[in-house]
Amino acid sequence: MKSYVLTVQCVSTRGIVAAISAFLAEHGCNIRDSAQFDDSVTGQFFMRISFISETGTGLEALRSDFAAVAERFGMDYAFHDSTEKMKVLLMVSSFGHCLNDLLYRWRIGALPIEITGVVSNHLTYQKLVVNHDLPFHHIRVTKENKPRAEAQLLELVEETGTELVVLARYMQVLSEEMCRTMSGRIVNIHHSFLPSFKGARPYQQAFERGVKLIGATAHFVTSDLDEGPIIEQETFRVTHAQSADDYVAIGRDVEAQVLARAIHAVIHRRVFLNGNKTVVFPASPGGYASERMG
């Protein structure tokens, strides 16, 4: 039996859940997992449903027939095949801890994505990427060639059918035009000290100020630097007895974990943009393992 995911976003009103449930039942589908959220502030309704087709109804028929229901409620909706892996392009500069972590998770099947390639403005990780039998693209970025470099990146996204771009410690600021073109399709990771500890050596700054919590934030990229809608966060408690090097080591570990969790949520269609925020539904009861199985 085929397994699918339906995502829905619309203005909140009575009867949405009933209409969707009735539609799926009428088309021989059985719901396996369902999550919904009604935002009383924005007036928006969000829903994610995982279901199986017990009578063989395919995606095209579901999409076509659901159009009437969607029009009735003014829905933005999408049907997805749970077995199809999202195409993801990774980008990195000189710090490789997040890239290494994602490649490892991908290799063992813990992160079910199709990596379309790795882009870098340096050659540092070319050998690592090639050894994973993945395409490596060196796109050098300078103040003079930045528009051309971003155009090259967009061409690569289009050619490979990339659905999501992940900045795995890619240390270049994307232009406003790039952020607008790829809105909701670029995820970034940074240390949670921003904006308190901007600039160079943020962990050293945190150490000198005697912070008690360090952490990381994964968010969608917007033209407001490191201010995009937050997807995932984590903190780790530190003490006066730890050094600045300890802060760096702990921070890198937290960054890798947070980025992986954020990507996991996005590829399983559990993240919805809600203005300057996100709605992130939790993983199904079986957790990551059940989602890996599709």
Protein backbone atom coordinates (compact mmCIF):
# COMPACT_ATOMS: atom_id res chain seq x y z
CA MET A 1 0.00 0.00 0.00
CA LYS A 2 1.27 3.45 -0.93
CA SER A 3 2.01 5.92 1.87
CA TYR A 4 1.38 9.63 1.44
CA VAL A 5 1.52 12.92 3.33
CA LEU A 6 -0.97 15.76 2.93
CA THR A 7 -0.09 19.25 4.15
CA VAL A 8 -2.72 21.98 4.42
CA GLN A 9 -2.67 25.67 5.35
CA CYS A 10 -5.63 28.03 5.19
CA VAL A 11 -7.75 30.50 7.12
CA SER A 12 -9.26 28.78 10.13
CA THR A 13 -12.95 27.94 9.86
CA ARG A 14 -15.38 25.26 10.91
CA GLY A 15 -15.45 21.93 9.03
CA ILE A 16 -11.90 21.67 7.66
CA VAL A 17 -10.90 18.50 9.50
CA ALA A 18 -14.24 16.84 8.75
CA ALA A 19 -13.98 17.65 5.05
CA ILE A 20 -10.42 16.29 4.77
CA SER A 21 -11.21 13.13 6.73
CA ALA A 22 -14.31 12.46 4.65
CA PHE A 23 -12.38 12.96 1.42
CA LEU A 24 -9.68 10.49 2.41
CA ALA A 25 -12.21 7.90 3.56
CA GLU A 26 -14.17 8.22 0.32
CA HIS A 27 -10.98 7.61 -1.66
CA GLY A 28 -10.06 4.44 0.24
CA CYS A 29 -7.39 5.99 2.42
CA ASN A 30 -6.63 5.23 6.05
CA ILE A 31 -5.08 7.93 8.28
CA ARG A 32 -1.98 6.79 10.19
CA ASP A 33 -0.96 10.04 11.85
CA SER A 34 -2.51 13.50 12.04
CA ALA A 35 -1.44 16.82 13.56
CA GLN A 36 -3.14 20.19 13.42
CA PHE A 37 -2.80 23.68 14.85
CA ASP A 38 -5.22 26.59 14.88
CA ASP A 39 -3.36 29.88 15.43
CA SER A 40 -5.76 32.22 17.20
CA VAL A 41 -3.38 35.16 16.65
CA THR A 42 -2.96 34.92 12.87
CA GLY A 43 -6.23 33.11 12.20
CA GLN A 44 -4.37 30.45 10.22
CA PHE A 45 -4.99 26.70 10.30
CA PHE A 46 -2.22 24.15 9.73
CA MET A 47 -2.52 20.40 9.26
CA ARG A 48 -0.30 17.45 8.36
CA ILE A 49 -1.78 14.02 7.71
CA SER A 50 0.10 10.80 7.01
CA PHE A 51 -2.06 8.11 5.38
CA ILE A 52 -2.02 4.98 3.27
CA SER A 53 -4.07 4.21 0.17
CA GLU A 54 -5.78 0.88 0.76
CA THR A 55 -7.55 0.78 -2.61
CA GLY A 56 -4.70 1.93 -4.83
CA THR A 57 -5.75 5.55 -5.31
CA GLY A 58 -2.71 7.37 -6.68
CA LEU A 59 -1.28 10.83 -6.20
CA GLU A 60 -2.65 12.30 -9.41
CA ALA A 61 -6.20 11.24 -8.60
CA LEU A 62 -5.90 12.54 -5.04
CA ARG A 63 -4.55 15.89 -6.20
CA SER A 64 -7.17 16.29 -8.88
CA ASP A 65 -10.15 15.28 -6.76
CA PHE A 66 -9.03 17.29 -3.72
CA ALA A 67 -9.09 20.53 -5.71
CA ALA A 68 -12.79 21.02 -4.98
CA VAL A 69 -12.25 20.67 -1.23
CA ALA A 70 -9.27 23.02 -1.35
CA GLU A 71 -11.21 25.65 -3.29
CA ARG A 72 -14.05 25.51 -0.80
CA PHE A 73 -11.73 26.44 2.09
CA GLY A 74 -9.11 28.46 0.19
CA MET A 75 -6.38 25.97 1.04
CA ASP A 76 -2.70 25.90 0.15
CA TYR A 77 -2.11 22.16 0.03
CA ALA A 78 0.25 19.49 -1.28
CA PHE A 79 0.25 15.70 -1.52
CA HIS A 80 3.60 13.93 -1.20
CA ASP A 81 4.77 10.36 -1.71
CA SER A 82 6.37 9.33 1.61
CA THR A 83 8.90 7.12 -0.16
CA GLU A 84 10.31 9.91 -2.33
CA LYS A 85 13.37 11.54 -0.79
CA MET A 86 13.69 15.33 -0.85
CA LYS A 87 16.52 16.63 -3.02
CA VAL A 88 18.93 18.62 -0.85
CA LEU A 89 21.97 20.73 -1.76
CA LEU A 90 24.56 21.24 1.00
CA MET A 91 26.77 24.34 1.27
CA VAL A 92 29.87 24.71 3.45
CA SER A 93 32.89 26.98 3.92
CA SER A 94 35.81 26.18 6.25
CA PHE A 95 34.12 24.56 9.27
CA GLY A 96 33.19 20.97 8.47
CA HIS A 97 31.54 19.62 11.63
CA CYS A 98 27.98 20.03 10.33
CA LEU A 99 28.85 18.71 6.88
CA ASN A 100 30.58 15.65 8.33
CA ASP A 101 27.62 14.96 10.61
CA LEU A 102 25.07 15.26 7.80
CA LEU A 103 27.10 13.03 5.47
CA TYR A 104 27.38 10.39 8.18
CA ARG A 105 23.65 10.48 8.95
CA TRP A 106 22.89 10.31 5.22
CA ARG A 107 25.28 7.39 4.68
CA ILE A 108 23.75 5.23 7.45
CA GLY A 109 20.18 6.10 6.43
CA ALA A 110 19.35 8.20 9.47
CA LEU A 111 18.73 11.23 7.26
CA PRO A 112 16.70 10.04 4.24
CA ILE A 113 17.54 12.68 1.65
CA GLU A 114 18.91 12.72 -1.87
CA ILE A 115 22.01 14.91 -1.80
CA THR A 116 22.27 16.67 -5.15
CA GLY A 117 25.74 17.97 -4.39
CA VAL A 118 27.92 20.05 -2.09
CA VAL A 119 28.81 23.66 -2.87
CA SER A 120 31.71 25.48 -1.23
CA ASN A 121 33.61 28.72 -1.65
CA HIS A 122 36.73 26.80 -0.60
CA LEU A 123 38.37 23.54 -1.68
CA THR A 124 38.85 22.29 1.88
CA TYR A 125 36.24 19.50 1.72
CA GLN A 126 36.46 18.54 -1.94
CA LYS A 127 38.16 15.21 -1.22
CA LEU A 128 35.68 14.35 1.55
CA VAL A 129 32.72 14.99 -0.74
CA VAL A 130 34.18 13.14 -3.73
CA ASN A 131 34.98 10.15 -1.48
CA HIS A 132 31.23 9.99 -0.74
CA ASP A 133 30.59 9.77 -4.51
CA LEU A 134 28.84 13.14 -4.46
CA PRO A 135 29.29 16.09 -6.85
CA PHE A 136 31.47 18.89 -5.47
CA HIS A 137 31.03 22.41 -6.83
CA HIS A 138 33.61 25.08 -6.07
CA ILE A 139 31.94 28.47 -6.43
CA ARG A 140 34.38 31.15 -5.40
CA VAL A 141 32.72 34.26 -3.94
CA THR A 142 34.21 37.75 -3.90
CA LYS A 143 32.68 41.18 -3.60
CA GLU A 144 33.10 41.65 -7.35
CA ASN A 145 31.72 38.31 -8.57
CA LYS A 146 28.95 37.72 -6.01
CA PRO A 147 26.02 38.26 -8.42
CA ARG A 148 27.59 35.86 -10.90
CA ALA A 149 28.30 33.31 -8.15
CA GLU A 150 24.69 33.39 -6.95
CA ALA A 151 23.42 33.06 -10.52
CA GLN A 152 25.62 29.97 -10.86
CA LEU A 153 24.17 28.61 -7.63
CA LEU A 154 20.59 29.15 -8.81
CA GLU A 155 21.39 27.41 -12.09
CA LEU A 156 22.70 24.44 -10.12
CA VAL A 157 19.54 24.36 -7.98
CA GLU A 158 17.38 24.31 -11.11
CA GLU A 159 19.47 21.76 -13.00
CA THR A 160 19.49 19.29 -10.10
CA GLY A 161 15.86 19.78 -9.09
CA THR A 162 17.01 20.79 -5.60
CA GLU A 163 14.11 21.41 -3.21
CA LEU A 164 16.08 22.47 -0.13
CA VAL A 165 19.42 24.24 0.33
CA VAL A 166 21.23 23.70 3.64
CA LEU A 167 23.89 26.14 4.80
CA ALA A 168 26.05 23.79 6.86
CA ARG A 169 28.26 26.59 8.20
CA TYR A 170 28.44 28.39 4.86
CA MET A 171 30.01 31.71 5.83
CA GLN A 172 28.71 33.97 3.08
CA VAL A 173 25.79 36.38 3.36
CA LEU A 174 23.21 35.72 0.64
CA SER A 175 21.78 38.68 -1.25
CA GLU A 176 18.24 39.94 -0.71
CA GLU A 177 17.32 38.79 -4.21
CA MET A 178 18.64 35.29 -3.52
CA CYS A 179 16.71 35.09 -0.23
CA ARG A 180 13.53 36.23 -1.95
CA THR A 181 13.91 33.79 -4.85
CA MET A 182 14.55 30.85 -2.49
CA SER A 183 12.16 31.91 0.29
CA GLY A 184 11.32 29.00 2.58
CA ARG A 185 13.84 26.75 0.83
CA ILE A 186 17.13 27.63 2.57
CA VAL A 187 17.97 26.48 6.11
CA ASN A 188 20.88 27.92 8.10
CA ILE A 189 22.57 27.06 11.40
CA HIS A 190 24.22 29.51 13.79
CA HIS A 191 25.20 29.78 17.42
CA SER A 192 22.42 31.10 19.64
CA PHE A 193 24.59 33.93 20.96
CA LEU A 194 23.45 36.19 18.14
CA PRO A 195 22.83 39.06 18.35
CA SER A 196 24.60 39.28 21.75
CA PHE A 197 27.93 37.97 20.46
CA LYS A 198 28.29 39.09 16.87
CA GLY A 199 31.46 39.10 14.86
CA ALA A 200 34.58 36.99 15.22
CA ARG A 201 35.14 34.30 17.85
CA PRO A 202 31.66 34.28 19.42
CA TYR A 203 32.53 31.41 21.77
CA GLN A 204 35.54 33.32 23.08
CA GLN A 205 33.25 36.31 23.67
CA ALA A 206 30.79 34.06 25.51
CA PHE A 207 33.59 32.62 27.63
CA GLU A 208 34.82 36.08 28.56
CA ARG A 209 31.30 37.09 29.62
CA GLY A 210 30.84 33.94 31.71
CA VAL A 211 27.67 32.68 30.05
CA LYS A 212 25.92 29.69 31.60
CA LEU A 213 24.10 28.42 28.52
CA ILE A 214 25.37 27.98 24.98
CA GLY A 215 23.44 26.59 22.06
CA ALA A 216 22.44 26.76 18.43
CA THR A 217 19.53 27.83 16.24
CA ALA A 218 18.40 26.48 12.86
CA HIS A 219 16.20 28.82 10.85
CA PHE A 220 14.98 29.67 7.38
CA VAL A 221 17.14 32.25 5.63
CA THR A 222 15.74 35.71 4.95
CA SER A 223 17.29 39.01 3.95
CA ASP A 224 17.45 39.90 7.67
CA LEU A 225 20.72 38.28 8.66
CA ASP A 226 20.15 35.41 11.13
CA GLU A 227 16.64 36.68 11.86
CA GLY A 228 14.62 34.17 9.81
CA PRO A 229 11.80 31.97 11.13
CA ILE A 230 13.20 29.52 13.69
CA ILE A 231 12.84 25.78 13.08
CA GLU A 232 14.87 24.16 15.86
CA GLN A 233 16.96 25.19 18.88
CA GLU A 234 18.99 23.55 21.62
CA THR A 235 21.04 24.72 24.60
CA PHE A 236 23.75 23.16 26.76
CA ARG A 237 24.70 24.28 30.26
CA VAL A 238 28.34 25.22 30.89
CA THR A 239 30.23 26.26 34.01
CA HIS A 240 33.09 28.51 35.05
CA ALA A 241 35.38 25.48 35.11
CA GLN A 242 35.24 25.01 31.34
CA SER A 243 37.55 26.73 28.88
CA ALA A 244 36.86 28.66 25.71
CA ASP A 245 37.99 25.58 23.75
CA ASP A 246 35.38 23.54 25.64
CA TYR A 247 32.75 26.07 24.57
CA VAL A 248 33.79 25.66 20.93
CA ALA A 249 33.68 21.85 21.11
CA ILE A 250 30.29 21.79 22.83
CA GLY A 251 28.92 24.46 20.51
CA ARG A 252 29.92 22.58 17.38
CA ASP A 253 28.30 19.41 18.68
CA VAL A 254 25.05 21.25 19.45
CA GLU A 255 25.09 22.96 16.04
CA ALA A 256 25.36 19.62 14.24
CA GLN A 257 22.49 18.09 16.25
CA VAL A 258 20.18 21.07 15.81
CA LEU A 259 20.78 21.31 12.07
CA ALA A 260 20.11 17.60 11.57
CA ARG A 261 16.84 17.81 13.53
CA ALA A 262 15.73 20.85 11.56
CA ILE A 263 16.41 19.15 8.24
CA HIS A 264 14.61 16.03 9.45
CA ALA A 265 11.52 18.10 10.23
CA VAL A 266 11.57 19.90 6.87
CA ILE A 267 12.06 16.81 4.69
CA HIS A 268 9.13 15.09 6.39
CA ARG A 269 6.88 18.07 5.69
CA ARG A 270 6.43 18.92 9.38
CA VAL A 271 7.41 22.60 9.09
CA PHE A 272 5.03 25.39 8.06
CA LEU A 273 5.85 29.07 7.67
CA ASN A 274 3.58 31.23 9.82
CA GLY A 275 4.60 34.83 9.19
CA ASN A 276 7.88 35.44 11.01
CA LYS A 277 7.52 32.16 12.89
CA THR A 278 7.08 28.48 12.07
CA VAL A 279 4.68 25.75 13.04
CA VAL A 280 6.69 22.55 13.59
CA PHE A 281 4.71 19.40 14.21
CA PRO A 282 6.47 16.70 16.28
CA ALA A 283 7.64 13.45 14.74
CA SER A 284 5.18 10.59 14.62
CA PRO A 285 4.91 8.33 17.72
CA GLY A 286 7.57 6.01 16.31
CA GLY A 287 10.01 8.90 16.11
CA TYR A 288 12.81 9.18 13.56
CA ALA A 289 12.90 5.44 12.93
CA SER A 290 9.31 5.25 11.72
CA GLU A 291 9.80 8.29 9.47
CA ARG A 292 12.89 6.71 7.94
CA MET A 293 10.78 3.72 7.01
CA GLY A 294 8.36 6.04 5.23
